[in-house]
Amino acid sequence: MCYRRIMQKFSAFKGWIWLIGFYLKVLVAAVICACLSYQLITWMASQVHWDWVQYLARKPLRQYVDRFRLICVCVGFIGVIRSLKLSWSRLGMSFCGKAYVKYVLYGMLLWLTLFLVTTKGLATVSMNDVCWRPIVGFLFASFLLAILEEFVFRGVLLNVFEAQCERMKSTNILGLLFAFLHFSTCEGGNLTANIWIQGAQCALHSITSIGQHLQWTYFCCLFLLNALLVHIRHKCNSLWGCIGFHQGLIFTLMVLRKIFTFGETRGAFWGTGRLTDAWFTVLCLCCLYLLMRKTIAHKK
């Protein structure tokens, strides 16, 4: 028994070392690609006057590093999938339309309910002139963001962590990673330095900036949402339930923040109406998570 525990801890440690090494490789690749692309676009902007080239040339280097960081993560995970021989069905990507639609509605209903409760009597929330044209764009953007994050976190990484340790521990580790990475940004480096040094500073800032931008209510919301999404993943035996729930949350937030303007807070418990800045939201997500766990345990 003692030997088994030691081996489990060692496996979890190896998993963290692998993850750190993977991210460092991603950052190095992102810096190289970003700096080369930035230099190429800058040179092209001096030679031609195409609108799209001039537009890209006005973008700061930090945005190049940030975009290539995302691209390199996606490419890297393709390699991980091949090396681990993860099938499409094991990743949960076999399409399940019923679960997708059902959980889209669940996600929208959850956020709308919390919004109505947290904004009751909140005078600082005012309605804007409603323009419905961006709604289709919101649907498309929320779907892309949901499918990308679910494929990476509840698809690939969940398989990696659950191969190393038991479900609860892997859920908590994944939740911490999911929450922390939402506060990671590639901000600008020293503009007087060499472009390669600037790129390296931007990449390094994606790690050091986490503590600077950390918001505890949002962090707790993300941690608990990950737990809910992991439970949905196992309950549906498909990633499409997670994608639907995630999209429902993102789409509702996009629409609410388009329709309403949020002002001062009534306090940390109720927030401003943005949902993710309220401890009430954290409390509700915690209760929902515990209820879901109890329901699943009772069925077993």
Protein backbone atom coordinates (compact mmCIF):
# COMPACT_ATOMS: atom_id res chain seq x y z
CA MET A 1 0.00 0.00 0.00
CA CYS A 2 2.81 2.40 0.93
CA TYR A 3 4.68 1.51 -2.27
CA ARG A 4 1.53 2.19 -4.32
CA ARG A 5 1.10 5.64 -2.73
CA ILE A 6 4.73 6.50 -3.41
CA MET A 7 4.36 5.47 -7.05
CA GLN A 8 1.14 7.50 -7.41
CA LYS A 9 2.85 10.61 -6.03
CA PHE A 10 5.83 10.01 -8.30
CA SER A 11 3.52 9.64 -11.31
CA ALA A 12 1.72 12.87 -10.42
CA PHE A 13 5.09 14.62 -10.04
CA LYS A 14 6.16 13.35 -13.47
CA GLY A 15 2.89 14.64 -14.86
CA TRP A 16 3.61 18.15 -13.54
CA ILE A 17 7.18 18.05 -14.87
CA TRP A 18 5.87 17.01 -18.28
CA LEU A 19 3.31 19.82 -18.24
CA ILE A 20 5.87 22.48 -17.26
CA GLY A 21 8.28 21.22 -19.92
CA PHE A 22 5.51 21.23 -22.52
CA TYR A 23 4.56 24.83 -21.73
CA LEU A 24 8.18 26.03 -21.82
CA LYS A 25 8.61 24.43 -25.26
CA VAL A 26 5.41 26.18 -26.38
CA LEU A 27 6.75 29.55 -25.20
CA VAL A 28 10.10 29.07 -26.97
CA ALA A 29 8.34 28.11 -30.22
CA ALA A 30 5.92 31.04 -29.84
CA VAL A 31 8.76 33.56 -29.37
CA ILE A 32 10.64 32.26 -32.43
CA CYS A 33 7.54 32.27 -34.67
CA ALA A 34 6.32 35.64 -33.35
CA CYS A 35 9.63 37.45 -33.82
CA LEU A 36 10.18 36.05 -37.31
CA SER A 37 6.60 36.89 -38.33
CA TYR A 38 6.84 40.38 -36.83
CA GLN A 39 10.05 41.11 -38.72
CA LEU A 40 8.55 39.75 -41.96
CA ILE A 41 5.37 41.83 -41.62
CA THR A 42 7.38 44.96 -40.75
CA TRP A 43 9.53 44.47 -43.85
CA MET A 44 6.46 43.84 -46.05
CA ALA A 45 4.80 47.00 -44.69
CA SER A 46 7.79 49.04 -45.91
CA GLN A 47 7.56 47.48 -49.38
CA VAL A 48 3.82 47.30 -50.10
CA HIS A 49 0.76 49.25 -49.01
CA TRP A 50 -1.79 46.49 -48.76
CA ASP A 51 -4.36 47.21 -46.05
CA TRP A 52 -4.06 43.87 -44.28
CA VAL A 53 -0.24 44.14 -44.14
CA GLN A 54 -0.42 47.67 -42.72
CA TYR A 55 -3.02 46.48 -40.21
CA LEU A 56 -0.79 43.63 -39.00
CA ALA A 57 2.24 45.89 -38.88
CA ARG A 58 0.48 48.15 -36.38
CA LYS A 59 -0.04 45.25 -33.99
CA PRO A 60 2.43 45.14 -31.05
CA LEU A 61 4.85 42.23 -30.68
CA ARG A 62 3.08 40.99 -27.54
CA GLN A 63 -0.02 40.17 -29.61
CA TYR A 64 2.09 38.11 -32.00
CA VAL A 65 3.58 36.18 -29.06
CA ASP A 66 0.12 35.65 -27.55
CA ARG A 67 -1.44 34.39 -30.81
CA PHE A 68 1.47 32.08 -31.61
CA ARG A 69 1.36 30.76 -28.04
CA LEU A 70 -2.19 29.55 -28.75
CA ILE A 71 -1.23 28.12 -32.14
CA CYS A 72 1.78 26.27 -30.69
CA VAL A 73 -0.39 24.81 -27.90
CA CYS A 74 -2.81 23.41 -30.50
CA VAL A 75 0.01 21.98 -32.63
CA GLY A 76 1.69 20.57 -29.53
CA PHE A 77 -1.48 18.82 -28.43
CA ILE A 78 -1.77 17.16 -31.83
CA GLY A 79 1.63 15.61 -31.08
CA VAL A 80 0.48 14.61 -27.57
CA ILE A 81 -2.63 12.91 -28.99
CA ARG A 82 -0.50 10.92 -31.42
CA SER A 83 2.10 9.93 -28.81
CA LEU A 84 -0.57 8.82 -26.29
CA LYS A 85 -2.62 7.19 -29.09
CA LEU A 86 -5.79 8.90 -27.90
CA SER A 87 -8.69 7.93 -30.13
CA TRP A 88 -11.46 10.32 -31.16
CA SER A 89 -13.94 8.45 -28.95
CA ARG A 90 -11.61 8.42 -25.94
CA LEU A 91 -11.28 12.19 -26.26
CA GLY A 92 -15.08 12.33 -26.24
CA MET A 93 -15.31 14.08 -29.59
CA SER A 94 -17.82 11.68 -31.17
CA PHE A 95 -20.73 14.02 -31.86
CA CYS A 96 -23.70 13.87 -29.50
CA GLY A 97 -26.25 16.48 -30.56
CA LYS A 98 -28.75 15.74 -27.77
CA ALA A 99 -26.19 16.35 -25.00
CA TYR A 100 -24.86 19.45 -26.77
CA VAL A 101 -28.26 21.16 -27.13
CA LYS A 102 -29.41 20.18 -23.64
CA TYR A 103 -26.33 21.57 -21.92
CA VAL A 104 -26.28 24.75 -24.02
CA LEU A 105 -29.71 25.48 -22.55
CA TYR A 106 -28.55 24.50 -19.05
CA GLY A 107 -25.60 26.88 -19.26
CA MET A 108 -27.75 29.75 -20.49
CA LEU A 109 -30.40 29.09 -17.82
CA LEU A 110 -27.82 28.98 -15.03
CA TRP A 111 -26.20 32.30 -15.96
CA LEU A 112 -29.51 34.06 -16.63
CA THR A 113 -30.89 32.93 -13.26
CA LEU A 114 -27.81 34.12 -11.39
CA PHE A 115 -27.88 37.39 -13.32
CA LEU A 116 -31.50 38.08 -12.34
CA VAL A 117 -30.79 37.34 -8.69
CA THR A 118 -27.54 39.30 -8.40
CA THR A 119 -28.91 42.38 -10.18
CA LYS A 120 -32.17 42.59 -8.21
CA GLY A 121 -32.27 46.12 -6.82
CA LEU A 122 -28.88 46.95 -8.37
CA ALA A 123 -29.37 50.51 -9.63
CA THR A 124 -25.96 50.65 -11.31
CA VAL A 125 -27.03 48.21 -14.08
CA SER A 126 -28.49 50.11 -17.03
CA MET A 127 -29.75 48.88 -20.41
CA ASN A 128 -28.09 49.99 -23.64
CA ASP A 129 -29.70 50.49 -27.03
CA VAL A 130 -30.09 46.90 -28.17
CA CYS A 131 -28.53 45.90 -31.50
CA TRP A 132 -29.10 42.24 -32.36
CA ARG A 133 -26.71 42.05 -35.31
CA PRO A 134 -23.72 40.78 -33.27
CA ILE A 135 -25.72 37.82 -31.88
CA VAL A 136 -24.68 35.45 -34.70
CA GLY A 137 -21.07 36.51 -34.17
CA PHE A 138 -21.45 35.81 -30.44
CA LEU A 139 -22.79 32.31 -31.21
CA PHE A 140 -19.88 31.54 -33.51
CA ALA A 141 -17.22 33.02 -31.19
CA SER A 142 -18.61 31.27 -28.10
CA PHE A 143 -18.69 27.94 -29.95
CA LEU A 144 -15.09 28.25 -31.14
CA LEU A 145 -13.84 29.23 -27.69
CA ALA A 146 -15.82 26.46 -25.99
CA ILE A 147 -14.73 23.70 -28.36
CA LEU A 148 -11.08 24.79 -28.15
CA GLU A 149 -10.96 24.95 -24.34
CA GLU A 150 -12.93 21.73 -23.86
CA PHE A 151 -10.76 19.83 -26.33
CA VAL A 152 -7.59 20.98 -24.57
CA PHE A 153 -8.70 20.76 -20.92
CA ARG A 154 -11.52 18.20 -20.57
CA GLY A 155 -10.32 16.28 -23.63
CA VAL A 156 -6.53 15.89 -23.77
CA LEU A 157 -5.35 17.09 -20.34
CA LEU A 158 -8.06 15.26 -18.42
CA ASN A 159 -6.94 12.02 -20.07
CA VAL A 160 -3.32 12.78 -19.21
CA PHE A 161 -4.04 13.55 -15.53
CA GLU A 162 -6.49 10.69 -14.99
CA ALA A 163 -3.85 8.30 -16.31
CA GLN A 164 -1.54 9.55 -13.52
CA CYS A 165 -3.85 9.88 -10.49
CA GLU A 166 -7.40 9.28 -9.25
CA ARG A 167 -10.35 11.31 -10.50
CA MET A 168 -10.78 13.80 -7.65
CA LYS A 169 -7.09 14.71 -7.58
CA SER A 170 -6.91 15.02 -11.37
CA THR A 171 -10.05 17.23 -11.33
CA ASN A 172 -8.50 19.55 -8.73
CA ILE A 173 -5.17 19.77 -10.58
CA LEU A 174 -6.94 20.49 -13.85
CA GLY A 175 -9.13 23.08 -12.11
CA LEU A 176 -6.11 24.96 -10.77
CA LEU A 177 -4.46 24.91 -14.18
CA PHE A 178 -7.67 25.98 -15.95
CA ALA A 179 -8.20 28.87 -13.51
CA PHE A 180 -4.60 30.13 -13.40
CA LEU A 181 -4.19 30.18 -17.19
CA HIS A 182 -7.13 32.58 -17.54
CA PHE A 183 -4.96 35.22 -15.84
CA SER A 184 -1.95 34.63 -18.09
CA THR A 185 -1.22 37.48 -20.51
CA CYS A 186 1.73 38.29 -22.78
CA GLU A 187 2.31 41.97 -22.06
CA GLY A 188 4.92 44.18 -23.72
CA GLY A 189 8.60 44.00 -22.87
CA ASN A 190 11.28 46.68 -22.92
CA LEU A 191 10.70 48.51 -26.22
CA THR A 192 14.34 49.67 -26.38
CA ALA A 193 15.63 46.09 -26.24
CA ASN A 194 16.37 43.74 -29.11
CA ILE A 195 13.22 42.25 -30.66
CA TRP A 196 14.18 38.74 -29.50
CA ILE A 197 14.64 39.97 -25.94
CA GLN A 198 11.26 41.73 -26.16
CA GLY A 199 9.66 38.48 -27.32
CA ALA A 200 11.25 36.52 -24.48
CA GLN A 201 10.04 39.13 -21.98
CA CYS A 202 6.49 38.88 -23.34
CA ALA A 203 6.58 35.07 -23.00
CA LEU A 204 8.02 35.28 -19.48
CA HIS A 205 5.29 37.73 -18.54
CA SER A 206 2.67 35.08 -19.38
CA ILE A 207 3.91 33.29 -16.24
CA THR A 208 4.79 36.19 -13.94
CA SER A 209 1.60 38.16 -14.75
CA ILE A 210 -0.70 35.54 -13.24
CA GLY A 211 -0.28 36.79 -9.68
CA GLN A 212 -0.67 40.43 -10.75
CA HIS A 213 -4.04 39.92 -12.47
CA LEU A 214 -5.50 37.34 -10.09
CA GLN A 215 -9.13 38.00 -9.05
CA TRP A 216 -10.26 35.54 -6.41
CA THR A 217 -13.98 35.50 -7.23
CA TYR A 218 -13.26 34.82 -10.91
CA PHE A 219 -10.60 32.26 -9.97
CA CYS A 220 -13.05 30.35 -7.74
CA CYS A 221 -15.73 30.48 -10.45
CA LEU A 222 -13.33 28.96 -12.97
CA PHE A 223 -12.14 26.28 -10.52
CA LEU A 224 -15.73 25.21 -9.73
CA LEU A 225 -16.83 25.40 -13.37
CA ASN A 226 -14.01 23.02 -14.27
CA ALA A 227 -15.32 20.56 -11.65
CA LEU A 228 -18.83 20.83 -13.12
CA LEU A 229 -17.51 20.34 -16.65
CA VAL A 230 -15.50 17.27 -15.62
CA HIS A 231 -18.64 15.75 -14.07
CA ILE A 232 -20.61 16.53 -17.25
CA ARG A 233 -17.83 14.93 -19.30
CA HIS A 234 -18.09 11.67 -17.34
CA LYS A 235 -21.88 11.76 -17.05
CA CYS A 236 -22.41 12.19 -20.81
CA ASN A 237 -19.36 10.12 -21.74
CA SER A 238 -18.91 12.80 -24.37
CA LEU A 239 -17.18 16.15 -24.66
CA TRP A 240 -20.19 17.66 -26.42
CA GLY A 241 -22.09 18.12 -23.17
CA CYS A 242 -19.15 20.16 -21.85
CA ILE A 243 -18.91 22.12 -25.09
CA GLY A 244 -22.61 22.94 -24.94
CA PHE A 245 -22.57 24.00 -21.28
CA HIS A 246 -19.42 26.08 -21.79
CA GLN A 247 -20.83 27.75 -24.90
CA GLY A 248 -24.09 28.52 -23.09
CA LEU A 249 -22.16 30.31 -20.34
CA ILE A 250 -19.92 32.30 -22.71
CA PHE A 251 -22.74 33.25 -25.08
CA THR A 252 -24.95 34.46 -22.22
CA LEU A 253 -22.13 36.59 -20.78
CA MET A 254 -21.42 38.10 -24.20
CA VAL A 255 -25.08 39.01 -24.73
CA LEU A 256 -25.58 40.39 -21.20
CA ARG A 257 -22.47 42.55 -21.45
CA LYS A 258 -23.67 43.86 -24.81
CA ILE A 259 -27.15 44.73 -23.55
CA PHE A 260 -26.25 46.11 -20.12
CA THR A 261 -23.75 48.59 -18.69
CA PHE A 262 -22.44 47.74 -15.23
CA GLY A 263 -21.44 50.36 -12.69
CA GLU A 264 -20.49 50.31 -9.03
CA THR A 265 -20.74 47.18 -6.91
CA ARG A 266 -23.10 46.66 -3.99
CA GLY A 267 -20.32 44.72 -2.33
CA ALA A 268 -18.15 41.70 -2.98
CA PHE A 269 -21.00 39.27 -2.26
CA TRP A 270 -23.38 40.55 -4.99
CA GLY A 271 -20.79 42.05 -7.36
CA THR A 272 -21.70 44.40 -10.19
CA GLY A 273 -23.92 42.11 -12.27
CA ARG A 274 -21.02 40.69 -14.28
CA LEU A 275 -21.54 37.39 -12.38
CA THR A 276 -17.89 36.34 -12.15
CA ASP A 277 -17.09 39.12 -9.65
CA ALA A 278 -19.70 38.01 -7.07
CA TRP A 279 -19.16 35.62 -4.16
CA PHE A 280 -22.85 34.76 -4.48
CA THR A 281 -22.04 33.16 -7.85
CA VAL A 282 -19.18 31.21 -6.27
CA LEU A 283 -21.53 29.98 -3.51
CA CYS A 284 -24.16 28.87 -6.04
CA LEU A 285 -21.60 27.04 -8.19
CA CYS A 286 -20.23 25.32 -5.10
CA CYS A 287 -23.73 24.15 -4.08
CA LEU A 288 -24.45 22.97 -7.63
CA TYR A 289 -21.17 21.04 -7.74
CA LEU A 290 -21.86 19.33 -4.38
CA LEU A 291 -25.41 18.51 -5.47
CA MET A 292 -24.16 16.99 -8.71
CA ARG A 293 -21.59 14.89 -6.87
CA LYS A 294 -24.20 13.69 -4.37
CA THR A 295 -26.63 12.78 -7.16
CA ILE A 296 -23.99 10.80 -9.06
CA ALA A 297 -22.83 9.03 -5.88
CA HIS A 298 -26.46 8.13 -5.03
CA LYS A 299 -27.04 6.64 -8.49
CA LYS A 300 -23.94 4.48 -8.11
